[in-house]
């Protein structure tokens, strides 16, 4: 294993925040991961995946283990379904494209989400009416303290909206090493009703879309709204869409009848955070090198040399403005590393 000291993490987080790790190791196998955890058992450990859903606000005074374990394998299959095991270091979008090339359905709506597969369950990533948990079977995770490998099924992961066991009780305790998915081989369940997928398909004159058509539509929509992290530092959607109860919703719609919303349940309504932020005048605004993207108010961006602290300051300003105007609290979706 190659150990690097005072290592810049700028290329390892999609916000492109220039912070340093006290010590940096890349691990590409289970054996290397176990060896590193054993070697540094008396040190603080920081696990780094694709770096796509974090905002680092200062240098990391710990041993950073970059998880780069690759591999995709078929565990079992029948005429209708296949169960895949995907190792943690596989790039999420490249993995999704691979499944589509095999005509495996279930992940097409999650195309072009940045990051690696191992960190996807932590966030229960989701987009366009689909969440990771919908096709999730289980994940394997190594407990840092004991080096014991455990399997977590869907119930054990306690998935919620952009939430899981690994963001709460299990935070900082485990390294997810692989994820298993159950995908369809035929009779794919196609989800095109959410967001702009239907209109994008109509523009392409597609009446009976394949799963690849749906993926291509999602990719086009995301590219039109979201900046490429390789060109402009960002972490995708910075904020969760708030969910309010019916009493709050009824009051809200009296004052803002034009506001978009999605009914989640009989007593819950989801309000697009991007709309709330845009109404507060932040869309396209820049504050030093920190800013709000011109095409999507949910996305905070680093125009060059913004620090994590400057991004946080902007986020707090936005949350305060939304609360003052709408009496609705919005919360960050990204994991903030302080």
Protein backbone atom coordinates (compact mmCIF):
# COMPACT_ATOMS: atom_id res chain seq x y z
CA UNK A 1 0.00 0.00 0.00
CA UNK A 2 1.23 3.44 -0.90
CA UNK A 3 0.77 5.92 1.93
CA UNK A 4 0.75 9.61 0.97
CA UNK A 5 1.08 12.42 3.53
CA UNK A 6 -0.58 15.89 3.36
CA UNK A 7 -2.45 14.72 0.29
CA UNK A 8 -4.74 17.15 -1.59
CA UNK A 9 -8.33 15.90 -1.89
CA UNK A 10 -9.34 18.45 -4.54
CA UNK A 11 -9.63 15.77 -7.22
CA UNK A 12 -11.43 13.40 -4.85
CA UNK A 13 -14.50 15.50 -3.99
CA UNK A 14 -16.91 16.80 -6.61
CA UNK A 15 -17.16 20.22 -4.94
CA UNK A 16 -13.43 20.44 -5.74
CA UNK A 17 -12.66 21.91 -2.31
CA UNK A 18 -8.89 22.09 -1.89
CA UNK A 19 -8.34 20.47 1.49
CA UNK A 20 -5.65 18.04 2.59
CA UNK A 21 -5.68 14.63 4.22
CA UNK A 22 -3.10 13.96 6.92
CA UNK A 23 -2.64 10.53 5.39
CA UNK A 24 -4.15 9.00 2.22
CA UNK A 25 -4.37 5.37 1.10
CA UNK A 26 -6.17 3.90 -1.90
CA UNK A 27 -7.50 0.38 -1.27
CA UNK A 28 -8.55 -1.81 -4.19
CA UNK A 29 -9.34 -5.14 -2.48
CA UNK A 30 -11.00 -6.47 0.65
CA UNK A 31 -7.64 -7.73 1.84
CA UNK A 32 -6.06 -4.29 1.44
CA UNK A 33 -8.98 -2.68 3.27
CA UNK A 34 -8.70 -5.08 6.20
CA UNK A 35 -4.94 -4.63 6.29
CA UNK A 36 -5.25 -0.82 6.33
CA UNK A 37 -7.89 -0.86 9.07
CA UNK A 38 -5.73 -3.18 11.14
CA UNK A 39 -2.60 -1.10 10.56
CA UNK A 40 -4.32 2.16 11.56
CA UNK A 41 -6.62 0.73 14.25
CA UNK A 42 -5.39 3.34 16.75
CA UNK A 43 -5.87 6.28 14.36
CA UNK A 44 -8.91 8.24 13.28
CA UNK A 45 -10.21 6.79 10.02
CA UNK A 46 -12.11 8.66 7.31
CA UNK A 47 -13.75 6.56 4.57
CA UNK A 48 -13.92 8.20 1.14
CA UNK A 49 -15.92 6.89 -1.79
CA UNK A 50 -16.76 8.87 -4.91
CA UNK A 51 -16.69 12.17 -3.01
CA UNK A 52 -19.96 13.20 -4.65
CA UNK A 53 -22.22 13.78 -1.69
CA UNK A 54 -19.91 15.51 0.76
CA UNK A 55 -18.83 19.03 1.54
CA UNK A 56 -15.46 19.11 3.30
CA UNK A 57 -15.00 22.29 5.32
CA UNK A 58 -11.43 21.82 6.57
CA UNK A 59 -8.34 19.63 6.31
CA UNK A 60 -8.97 16.06 7.42
CA UNK A 61 -6.72 15.21 10.35
CA UNK A 62 -7.20 11.47 9.89
CA UNK A 63 -6.20 8.51 7.77
CA UNK A 64 -8.31 8.76 4.59
CA UNK A 65 -9.06 5.39 3.00
CA UNK A 66 -10.20 5.78 -0.60
CA UNK A 67 -12.37 2.75 -1.44
CA UNK A 68 -11.65 1.64 -5.00
CA UNK A 69 -12.72 -2.03 -4.95
CA UNK A 70 -14.00 -2.92 -8.44
CA UNK A 71 -16.08 -5.72 -9.93
CA UNK A 72 -19.59 -6.68 -11.04
CA UNK A 73 -20.82 -10.28 -10.88
CA UNK A 74 -24.08 -12.17 -11.43
CA UNK A 75 -25.12 -13.97 -8.24
CA UNK A 76 -28.22 -15.67 -9.66
CA UNK A 77 -30.77 -15.29 -12.42
CA UNK A 78 -33.89 -16.78 -13.93
CA UNK A 79 -35.97 -15.90 -16.97
CA UNK A 80 -37.33 -12.72 -15.36
CA UNK A 81 -34.73 -11.38 -12.93
CA UNK A 82 -31.03 -11.15 -12.24
CA UNK A 83 -29.29 -10.49 -8.95
CA UNK A 84 -26.05 -8.52 -9.31
CA UNK A 85 -23.28 -7.99 -6.82
CA UNK A 86 -21.52 -4.67 -7.43
CA UNK A 87 -18.37 -3.79 -5.53
CA UNK A 88 -18.13 -0.46 -3.78
CA UNK A 89 -15.57 1.22 -6.04
CA UNK A 90 -17.63 0.91 -9.22
CA UNK A 91 -18.68 4.29 -10.60
CA UNK A 92 -22.46 4.49 -10.23
CA UNK A 93 -23.32 5.89 -13.66
CA UNK A 94 -20.94 3.55 -15.51
CA UNK A 95 -22.51 0.65 -13.62
CA UNK A 96 -26.01 1.78 -14.62
CA UNK A 97 -24.95 1.99 -18.27
CA UNK A 98 -23.50 -1.53 -18.00
CA UNK A 99 -26.83 -2.88 -16.70
CA UNK A 100 -28.65 -1.25 -19.61
CA UNK A 101 -26.25 -2.81 -22.09
CA UNK A 102 -27.28 -6.18 -20.63
CA UNK A 103 -30.97 -5.13 -20.87
CA UNK A 104 -31.33 -5.25 -17.08
CA UNK A 105 -34.05 -2.85 -15.91
CA UNK A 106 -34.56 -0.98 -12.67
CA UNK A 107 -31.79 1.60 -12.46
CA UNK A 108 -32.42 3.60 -15.64
CA UNK A 109 -34.07 6.53 -13.82
CA UNK A 110 -30.93 6.82 -11.67
CA UNK A 111 -28.65 7.50 -14.64
CA UNK A 112 -25.93 10.17 -14.39
CA UNK A 113 -26.00 10.40 -10.59
CA UNK A 114 -22.39 11.08 -9.58
CA UNK A 115 -20.46 8.97 -7.12
CA UNK A 116 -19.63 5.34 -6.49
CA UNK A 117 -21.87 2.37 -5.79
CA UNK A 118 -20.62 1.80 -2.25
CA UNK A 119 -21.87 5.14 -1.00
CA UNK A 120 -25.25 4.96 -2.79
CA UNK A 121 -27.07 3.08 0.01
CA UNK A 122 -25.89 5.58 2.63
CA UNK A 123 -27.92 8.27 0.94
CA UNK A 124 -30.59 6.01 -0.54
CA UNK A 125 -30.00 7.94 -3.76
CA UNK A 126 -33.06 8.74 -5.82
CA UNK A 127 -34.27 10.61 -8.88
CA UNK A 128 -37.32 10.84 -11.12
CA UNK A 129 -39.64 8.72 -9.00
CA UNK A 130 -37.14 5.92 -8.25
CA UNK A 131 -34.92 5.27 -5.22
CA UNK A 132 -32.04 2.86 -4.72
CA UNK A 133 -34.10 0.87 -2.21
CA UNK A 134 -36.56 -0.11 -4.96
CA UNK A 135 -34.07 -2.58 -6.49
CA UNK A 136 -31.83 -3.08 -3.45
CA UNK A 137 -31.46 -6.59 -2.00
CA UNK A 138 -28.60 -6.21 0.47
CA UNK A 139 -25.16 -4.79 1.05
CA UNK A 140 -22.04 -6.12 2.71
CA UNK A 141 -20.29 -3.83 5.16
CA UNK A 142 -17.09 -4.21 7.13
CA UNK A 143 -17.24 -2.98 10.73
CA UNK A 144 -14.23 -0.76 11.30
CA UNK A 145 -13.73 -1.64 14.98
CA UNK A 146 -13.96 -5.43 14.65
CA UNK A 147 -13.17 -6.08 10.94
CA UNK A 148 -16.31 -8.24 10.89
CA UNK A 149 -18.12 -8.44 7.56
CA UNK A 150 -21.92 -8.25 7.91
CA UNK A 151 -24.81 -8.37 5.46
CA UNK A 152 -27.55 -5.72 5.75
CA UNK A 153 -30.88 -6.42 4.05
CA UNK A 154 -33.34 -3.70 3.09
CA UNK A 155 -35.02 -3.68 6.51
CA UNK A 156 -31.71 -3.46 8.36
CA UNK A 157 -30.69 -0.47 6.23
CA UNK A 158 -33.70 1.51 7.51
CA UNK A 159 -34.04 3.44 4.25
CA UNK A 160 -35.83 6.77 4.29
CA UNK A 161 -35.91 9.82 2.06
CA UNK A 162 -32.17 10.35 1.34
CA UNK A 163 -31.55 8.52 4.58
CA UNK A 164 -30.42 5.16 5.96
CA UNK A 165 -29.01 3.37 8.99
CA UNK A 166 -25.54 4.33 7.75
CA UNK A 167 -26.32 8.05 8.17
CA UNK A 168 -27.62 7.54 11.70
CA UNK A 169 -26.78 4.75 14.18
CA UNK A 170 -24.26 3.20 11.80
CA UNK A 171 -22.53 6.44 10.86
CA UNK A 172 -18.75 6.12 10.88
CA UNK A 173 -18.89 2.49 11.99
CA UNK A 174 -18.92 0.60 8.69
CA UNK A 175 -17.37 0.50 5.23
CA UNK A 176 -19.84 -0.72 2.60
CA UNK A 177 -17.86 -3.08 0.35
CA UNK A 178 -20.53 -4.33 -2.08
CA UNK A 179 -24.21 -3.92 -2.96
CA UNK A 180 -26.66 -6.48 -4.41
CA UNK A 181 -29.50 -5.46 -6.73
CA UNK A 182 -32.46 -7.37 -8.17
CA UNK A 183 -33.12 -6.18 -11.72
CA UNK A 184 -35.59 -7.23 -14.41
CA UNK A 185 -34.61 -9.06 -17.59
CA UNK A 186 -37.99 -8.65 -19.29
CA UNK A 187 -41.38 -7.05 -18.62
CA UNK A 188 -39.53 -4.03 -17.28
CA UNK A 189 -41.49 -1.74 -14.98
CA UNK A 190 -41.03 1.65 -16.63
CA UNK A 191 -41.40 4.82 -14.59
CA UNK A 192 -41.83 7.86 -16.84
CA UNK A 193 -44.48 9.87 -15.00
CA UNK A 194 -42.16 11.83 -12.71
CA UNK A 195 -40.63 15.16 -13.65
CA UNK A 196 -39.90 15.94 -17.28
CA UNK A 197 -39.30 12.40 -18.58
CA UNK A 198 -42.61 12.18 -20.48
CA UNK A 199 -42.14 15.52 -22.23
CA UNK A 200 -38.52 14.67 -23.09
CA UNK A 201 -39.67 11.39 -24.64
CA UNK A 202 -42.41 13.21 -26.60
CA UNK A 203 -39.80 15.61 -27.97
CA UNK A 204 -37.90 12.57 -29.19
CA UNK A 205 -41.09 11.10 -30.72
CA UNK A 206 -40.85 8.01 -28.54
CA UNK A 207 -44.23 6.49 -27.58
CA UNK A 208 -43.07 3.11 -26.27
CA UNK A 209 -39.70 3.77 -24.63
CA UNK A 210 -37.10 1.13 -23.91
CA UNK A 211 -35.18 1.29 -20.65
CA UNK A 212 -32.30 2.81 -22.64
CA UNK A 213 -34.66 5.47 -24.00
CA UNK A 214 -35.66 6.35 -20.44
CA UNK A 215 -32.01 6.52 -19.39
CA UNK A 216 -31.16 8.76 -22.34
CA UNK A 217 -34.06 11.07 -21.46
CA UNK A 218 -32.92 11.29 -17.83
CA UNK A 219 -29.34 12.00 -18.92
CA UNK A 220 -30.52 14.80 -21.24
CA UNK A 221 -32.67 16.37 -18.50
CA UNK A 222 -29.90 16.19 -15.91
CA UNK A 223 -27.35 17.65 -18.32
CA UNK A 224 -29.69 20.55 -19.09
CA UNK A 225 -30.14 21.38 -15.40
CA UNK A 226 -27.06 20.20 -13.55
CA UNK A 227 -23.45 21.26 -14.09
CA UNK A 228 -20.77 18.65 -14.75
CA UNK A 229 -18.64 18.43 -11.55
CA UNK A 230 -15.54 18.05 -13.74
CA UNK A 231 -16.21 21.52 -15.13
CA UNK A 232 -17.86 23.28 -12.17
CA UNK A 233 -17.49 22.06 -8.60
CA UNK A 234 -20.80 20.88 -7.12
CA UNK A 235 -22.45 17.98 -5.36
CA UNK A 236 -25.71 17.82 -7.29
CA UNK A 237 -28.77 18.67 -5.24
CA UNK A 238 -27.53 20.32 -2.06
CA UNK A 239 -30.90 20.37 -0.28
CA UNK A 240 -33.63 17.82 0.35
CA UNK A 241 -37.13 18.61 -0.84
CA UNK A 242 -39.07 19.38 2.38
CA UNK A 243 -42.06 17.24 3.31
CA UNK A 244 -44.85 18.99 5.21
CA UNK A 245 -48.09 17.75 6.75
CA UNK A 246 -51.58 18.55 5.44
CA UNK A 247 -52.23 21.33 7.94
CA UNK A 248 -48.98 23.06 6.95
CA UNK A 249 -49.71 22.38 3.28
CA UNK A 250 -53.19 23.96 3.47
CA UNK A 251 -51.73 27.13 5.00
CA UNK A 252 -48.93 27.17 2.45
CA UNK A 253 -51.23 26.90 -0.57
CA UNK A 254 -53.43 29.77 0.62
CA UNK A 255 -50.46 32.10 0.23
CA UNK A 256 -48.74 30.28 -2.65
CA UNK A 257 -51.44 28.59 -4.77
CA UNK A 258 -49.12 28.42 -7.77
CA UNK A 259 -46.46 26.39 -5.96
CA UNK A 260 -45.67 22.93 -7.36
CA UNK A 261 -46.00 19.94 -5.04
CA UNK A 262 -46.10 16.15 -4.92
CA UNK A 263 -48.48 14.25 -2.69
CA UNK A 264 -46.46 11.71 -0.71
CA UNK A 265 -49.26 10.23 1.40
CA UNK A 266 -52.68 11.15 2.78
CA UNK A 267 -51.07 13.59 5.21
CA UNK A 268 -47.73 14.46 3.57
CA UNK A 269 -46.77 16.75 0.72
CA UNK A 270 -43.37 17.33 -0.83
CA UNK A 271 -42.53 20.88 -1.93
CA UNK A 272 -39.66 21.31 -4.42
CA UNK A 273 -36.84 23.04 -2.54
CA UNK A 274 -35.55 24.45 -5.83
CA UNK A 275 -38.79 26.39 -6.30
CA UNK A 276 -38.63 27.80 -2.76
CA UNK A 277 -35.01 28.88 -3.25
CA UNK A 278 -35.75 30.43 -6.63
CA UNK A 279 -38.65 32.43 -5.17
CA UNK A 280 -36.20 33.86 -2.63
CA UNK A 281 -34.09 35.20 -5.49
CA UNK A 282 -31.00 33.02 -5.15
CA UNK A 283 -31.04 31.24 -8.50
CA UNK A 284 -27.95 32.21 -10.52
CA UNK A 285 -26.54 34.41 -7.74
CA UNK A 286 -22.83 34.37 -6.92
CA UNK A 287 -21.19 35.26 -3.60
CA UNK A 288 -17.45 35.32 -4.15
CA UNK A 289 -16.57 31.92 -5.59
CA UNK A 290 -19.64 30.27 -4.03
CA UNK A 291 -22.94 30.44 -5.84
CA UNK A 292 -26.29 28.98 -6.86
CA UNK A 293 -26.42 27.42 -10.30
CA UNK A 294 -28.20 29.39 -13.03
CA UNK A 295 -30.27 26.42 -14.23
CA UNK A 296 -31.12 24.69 -10.96
CA UNK A 297 -31.51 26.49 -7.65
CA UNK A 298 -31.03 23.24 -5.70
CA UNK A 299 -27.39 23.14 -6.78
CA UNK A 300 -24.70 25.10 -4.96
CA UNK A 301 -21.47 25.51 -6.92
CA UNK A 302 -17.80 26.32 -6.47
CA UNK A 303 -16.78 28.75 -9.21
CA UNK A 304 -13.10 28.23 -8.52
CA UNK A 305 -11.58 28.63 -5.09
CA UNK A 306 -14.51 28.64 -2.69
CA UNK A 307 -13.83 27.09 0.68
CA UNK A 308 -16.19 24.64 2.32
CA UNK A 309 -16.95 27.36 4.88
CA UNK A 310 -18.09 29.74 2.15
CA UNK A 311 -20.41 27.10 0.69
CA UNK A 312 -21.85 26.47 4.16
CA UNK A 313 -22.35 30.19 4.76
CA UNK A 314 -24.33 30.44 1.51
CA UNK A 315 -26.40 27.37 2.43
CA UNK A 316 -27.27 28.90 5.80
CA UNK A 317 -28.26 32.16 4.14
CA UNK A 318 -30.59 30.27 1.81
CA UNK A 319 -32.14 28.17 4.59
CA UNK A 320 -32.79 31.29 6.67
CA UNK A 321 -34.41 33.11 3.74
CA UNK A 322 -36.71 30.15 2.93
CA UNK A 323 -37.76 29.83 6.56
CA UNK A 324 -38.49 33.55 6.89
CA UNK A 325 -40.55 33.70 3.70
CA UNK A 326 -42.37 30.36 3.66
CA UNK A 327 -42.09 29.08 7.26
CA UNK A 328 -40.65 25.86 5.79
CA UNK A 329 -37.36 24.38 6.88
CA UNK A 330 -35.09 22.97 4.18
CA UNK A 331 -32.12 20.81 5.13
CA UNK A 332 -28.92 19.83 3.36
CA UNK A 333 -28.86 16.55 1.49
CA UNK A 334 -25.07 16.43 1.36
CA UNK A 335 -22.94 15.18 4.23
CA UNK A 336 -21.07 18.12 5.73
CA UNK A 337 -17.62 17.21 7.05
CA UNK A 338 -16.58 19.63 9.80
